[in-house]
Amino acid sequence: VQLVESGGGLVRARGSLKLSCAASGSIFRINDMGWYRQAPGKQRELVAQITSGGSTNYADSVKGRFTISRDNGKNTVDLQMISLKPEDTAVYYCNDFIQVNRKYELEYWGQGTQVTVSS
């Protein structure tokens, strides 16, 4: 199983970006999907998460600005980010809990994509 992220880049404050993550390989079902981020010198933190049923959870710092969505048919999860702030600058990682068969669920991470917000 492989997770491939896209959509990062450089944007000015108050701008928008959309991150996408596609899972491929031997996938039976994808359960929780999410996005984490890690800024220089800081610990990795949860940004947003979405369950297989569509329930979402957001970090307080991004509520009202970021929207997570998923396409179960395409095994993708997106993160739409608006009103970006310099403090959103970080490497963003896709995180999926994937069942490779009926019995086993494993956690997978993408390679990370850089988001830089200039003031």
C-alpha atoms as a PDB file:
ATOM      1  CA  VAL A   1       0.000   0.000   0.000  1.00  0.00           C
ATOM      2  CA  GLN A   2       1.259   3.453  -0.867  1.00  0.00           C
ATOM      3  CA  LEU A   3      -0.037   6.928  -0.056  1.00  0.00           C
ATOM      4  CA  VAL A   4       0.879   9.707  -2.465  1.00  0.00           C
ATOM      5  CA  GLU A   5       0.230  13.331  -1.563  1.00  0.00           C
ATOM      6  CA  SER A   6       0.000  16.328  -3.852  1.00  0.00           C
ATOM      7  CA  GLY A   7      -0.974  19.971  -3.747  1.00  0.00           C
ATOM      8  CA  GLY A   8       1.511  21.583  -1.408  1.00  0.00           C
ATOM      9  CA  GLY A   9       3.367  24.765  -2.231  1.00  0.00           C
ATOM     10  CA  LEU A  10       3.962  28.405  -1.412  1.00  0.00           C
ATOM     11  CA  VAL A  11       1.028  30.720  -0.841  1.00  0.00           C
ATOM     12  CA  ARG A  12       0.516  34.153   0.645  1.00  0.00           C
ATOM     13  CA  ALA A  13      -1.343  34.688   3.883  1.00  0.00           C
ATOM     14  CA  ARG A  14      -5.131  34.591   3.433  1.00  0.00           C
ATOM     15  CA  GLY A  15      -4.659  32.409   0.370  1.00  0.00           C
ATOM     16  CA  SER A  16      -5.918  28.886  -0.289  1.00  0.00           C
ATOM     17  CA  LEU A  17      -4.466  25.484  -1.086  1.00  0.00           C
ATOM     18  CA  LYS A  18      -5.914  22.026  -1.576  1.00  0.00           C
ATOM     19  CA  LEU A  19      -4.011  18.925  -0.594  1.00  0.00           C
ATOM     20  CA  SER A  20      -4.870  15.505  -1.984  1.00  0.00           C
ATOM     21  CA  CYS A  21      -3.777  12.024  -0.959  1.00  0.00           C
ATOM     22  CA  ALA A  22      -4.364   8.875  -2.994  1.00  0.00           C
ATOM     23  CA  ALA A  23      -3.979   5.382  -1.586  1.00  0.00           C
ATOM     24  CA  SER A  24      -3.089   2.500  -3.877  1.00  0.00           C
ATOM     25  CA  GLY A  25      -2.177  -1.155  -3.568  1.00  0.00           C
ATOM     26  CA  SER A  26      -3.834  -4.111  -1.914  1.00  0.00           C
ATOM     27  CA  ILE A  27      -6.708  -2.383  -0.127  1.00  0.00           C
ATOM     28  CA  PHE A  28      -9.745  -4.128   1.313  1.00  0.00           C
ATOM     29  CA  ARG A  29     -11.174  -1.072   3.055  1.00  0.00           C
ATOM     30  CA  ILE A  30      -9.974   2.295   4.335  1.00  0.00           C
ATOM     31  CA  ASN A  31     -11.243   3.275   7.761  1.00  0.00           C
ATOM     32  CA  ASP A  32     -10.137   6.575   9.313  1.00  0.00           C
ATOM     33  CA  MET A  33      -8.295   8.994   7.041  1.00  0.00           C
ATOM     34  CA  GLY A  34      -6.560  12.123   8.169  1.00  0.00           C
ATOM     35  CA  TRP A  35      -3.997  14.848   7.808  1.00  0.00           C
ATOM     36  CA  TYR A  36      -1.223  15.700  10.236  1.00  0.00           C
ATOM     37  CA  ARG A  37       1.388  18.437  10.086  1.00  0.00           C
ATOM     38  CA  GLN A  38       4.800  19.055  11.538  1.00  0.00           C
ATOM     39  CA  ALA A  39       6.395  22.475  11.730  1.00  0.00           C
ATOM     40  CA  PRO A  40      10.154  22.899  12.290  1.00  0.00           C
ATOM     41  CA  GLY A  41      11.060  22.214  15.898  1.00  0.00           C
ATOM     42  CA  LYS A  42       7.547  21.072  16.784  1.00  0.00           C
ATOM     43  CA  GLN A  43       5.839  17.739  17.241  1.00  0.00           C
ATOM     44  CA  ARG A  44       3.592  16.278  14.594  1.00  0.00           C
ATOM     45  CA  GLU A  45      -0.022  17.234  15.267  1.00  0.00           C
ATOM     46  CA  LEU A  46      -3.421  16.157  14.024  1.00  0.00           C
ATOM     47  CA  VAL A  47      -5.000  18.658  11.642  1.00  0.00           C
ATOM     48  CA  ALA A  48      -8.180  16.870  10.565  1.00  0.00           C
ATOM     49  CA  GLN A  49      -9.643  13.399  10.495  1.00  0.00           C
ATOM     50  CA  ILE A  50     -12.593  11.754   8.757  1.00  0.00           C
ATOM     51  CA  THR A  51     -14.143   8.381   9.480  1.00  0.00           C
ATOM     52  CA  SER A  52     -15.437   5.935   6.907  1.00  0.00           C
ATOM     53  CA  GLY A  53     -18.916   7.199   7.729  1.00  0.00           C
ATOM     54  CA  GLY A  54     -17.967  10.810   7.087  1.00  0.00           C
ATOM     55  CA  SER A  55     -17.681  12.118  10.640  1.00  0.00           C
ATOM     56  CA  THR A  56     -14.978  14.757  10.943  1.00  0.00           C
ATOM     57  CA  ASN A  57     -12.697  16.092  13.631  1.00  0.00           C
ATOM     58  CA  TYR A  58     -10.526  19.224  13.399  1.00  0.00           C
ATOM     59  CA  ALA A  59      -7.785  20.818  15.413  1.00  0.00           C
ATOM     60  CA  ASP A  60      -9.076  23.979  17.072  1.00  0.00           C
ATOM     61  CA  SER A  61      -6.521  26.053  15.190  1.00  0.00           C
ATOM     62  CA  VAL A  62      -7.986  25.140  11.786  1.00  0.00           C
ATOM     63  CA  LYS A  63     -11.719  24.940  12.512  1.00  0.00           C
ATOM     64  CA  GLY A  64     -13.696  27.059  10.085  1.00  0.00           C
ATOM     65  CA  ARG A  65     -10.742  27.338   7.689  1.00  0.00           C
ATOM     66  CA  PHE A  66      -9.916  23.757   6.693  1.00  0.00           C
ATOM     67  CA  THR A  67     -12.282  21.126   5.300  1.00  0.00           C
ATOM     68  CA  ILE A  68     -11.468  17.433   5.020  1.00  0.00           C
ATOM     69  CA  SER A  69     -13.308  15.199   2.562  1.00  0.00           C
ATOM     70  CA  ARG A  70     -12.911  11.729   1.123  1.00  0.00           C
ATOM     71  CA  ASP A  71     -13.895   9.755  -1.951  1.00  0.00           C
ATOM     72  CA  ASN A  72     -14.273   6.118  -0.986  1.00  0.00           C
ATOM     73  CA  GLY A  73     -14.508   5.008  -4.603  1.00  0.00           C
ATOM     74  CA  LYS A  74     -11.161   6.569  -5.446  1.00  0.00           C
ATOM     75  CA  ASN A  75      -9.448   5.935  -2.078  1.00  0.00           C
ATOM     76  CA  THR A  76      -8.605   9.609  -1.765  1.00  0.00           C
ATOM     77  CA  VAL A  77      -8.722  12.165   1.009  1.00  0.00           C
ATOM     78  CA  ASP A  78      -8.512  15.909   0.418  1.00  0.00           C
ATOM     79  CA  LEU A  79      -7.803  18.880   2.654  1.00  0.00           C
ATOM     80  CA  GLN A  80      -9.163  22.205   1.443  1.00  0.00           C
ATOM     81  CA  MET A  81      -7.401  25.049   3.237  1.00  0.00           C
ATOM     82  CA  ILE A  82      -8.566  28.658   3.110  1.00  0.00           C
ATOM     83  CA  SER A  83      -7.582  31.816   4.973  1.00  0.00           C
ATOM     84  CA  LEU A  84      -4.105  30.402   5.435  1.00  0.00           C
ATOM     85  CA  LYS A  85      -1.830  31.898   8.062  1.00  0.00           C
ATOM     86  CA  PRO A  86       1.958  31.852   8.373  1.00  0.00           C
ATOM     87  CA  GLU A  87       1.562  29.565  11.379  1.00  0.00           C
ATOM     88  CA  ASP A  88       0.038  26.939   9.064  1.00  0.00           C
ATOM     89  CA  THR A  89       3.487  26.499   7.513  1.00  0.00           C
ATOM     90  CA  ALA A  90       4.522  22.875   7.964  1.00  0.00           C
ATOM     91  CA  VAL A  91       5.028  19.556   6.242  1.00  0.00           C
ATOM     92  CA  TYR A  92       1.606  17.960   5.886  1.00  0.00           C
ATOM     93  CA  TYR A  93       1.256  14.193   6.065  1.00  0.00           C
ATOM     94  CA  CYS A  94      -1.598  11.993   4.948  1.00  0.00           C
ATOM     95  CA  ASN A  95      -2.510   9.233   7.416  1.00  0.00           C
ATOM     96  CA  ASP A  96      -4.803   6.291   6.673  1.00  0.00           C
ATOM     97  CA  PHE A  97      -5.912   3.232   8.608  1.00  0.00           C
ATOM     98  CA  ILE A  98      -6.244   0.569   5.954  1.00  0.00           C
ATOM     99  CA  GLN A  99      -7.535  -2.941   6.130  1.00  0.00           C
ATOM    100  CA  VAL A 100      -5.535  -5.097   3.760  1.00  0.00           C
ATOM    101  CA  ASN A 101      -8.004  -7.942   4.358  1.00  0.00           C
ATOM    102  CA  ARG A 102     -11.036  -8.589   6.586  1.00  0.00           C
ATOM    103  CA  LYS A 103      -8.865  -9.188   9.625  1.00  0.00           C
ATOM    104  CA  TYR A 104      -5.926  -6.790   9.686  1.00  0.00           C
ATOM    105  CA  GLU A 105      -5.798  -2.989   9.848  1.00  0.00           C
ATOM    106  CA  LEU A 106      -2.512  -1.162   9.443  1.00  0.00           C
ATOM    107  CA  GLU A 107      -1.567   2.503   9.721  1.00  0.00           C
ATOM    108  CA  TYR A 108       0.061   4.142   6.713  1.00  0.00           C
ATOM    109  CA  TRP A 109       1.709   7.528   6.213  1.00  0.00           C
ATOM    110  CA  GLY A 110       2.376   9.555   3.124  1.00  0.00           C
ATOM    111  CA  GLN A 111       5.773  11.018   2.352  1.00  0.00           C
ATOM    112  CA  GLY A 112       4.728  14.547   3.292  1.00  0.00           C
ATOM    113  CA  THR A 113       4.129  17.700   1.291  1.00  0.00           C
ATOM    114  CA  GLN A 114       5.444  21.139   2.199  1.00  0.00           C
ATOM    115  CA  VAL A 115       3.028  24.008   2.745  1.00  0.00           C
ATOM    116  CA  THR A 116       4.600  27.429   3.187  1.00  0.00           C
ATOM    117  CA  VAL A 117       2.504  30.498   3.945  1.00  0.00           C
ATOM    118  CA  SER A 118       4.234  33.849   3.582  1.00  0.00           C
ATOM    119  CA  SER A 119       3.151  36.918   5.503  1.00  0.00           C
END
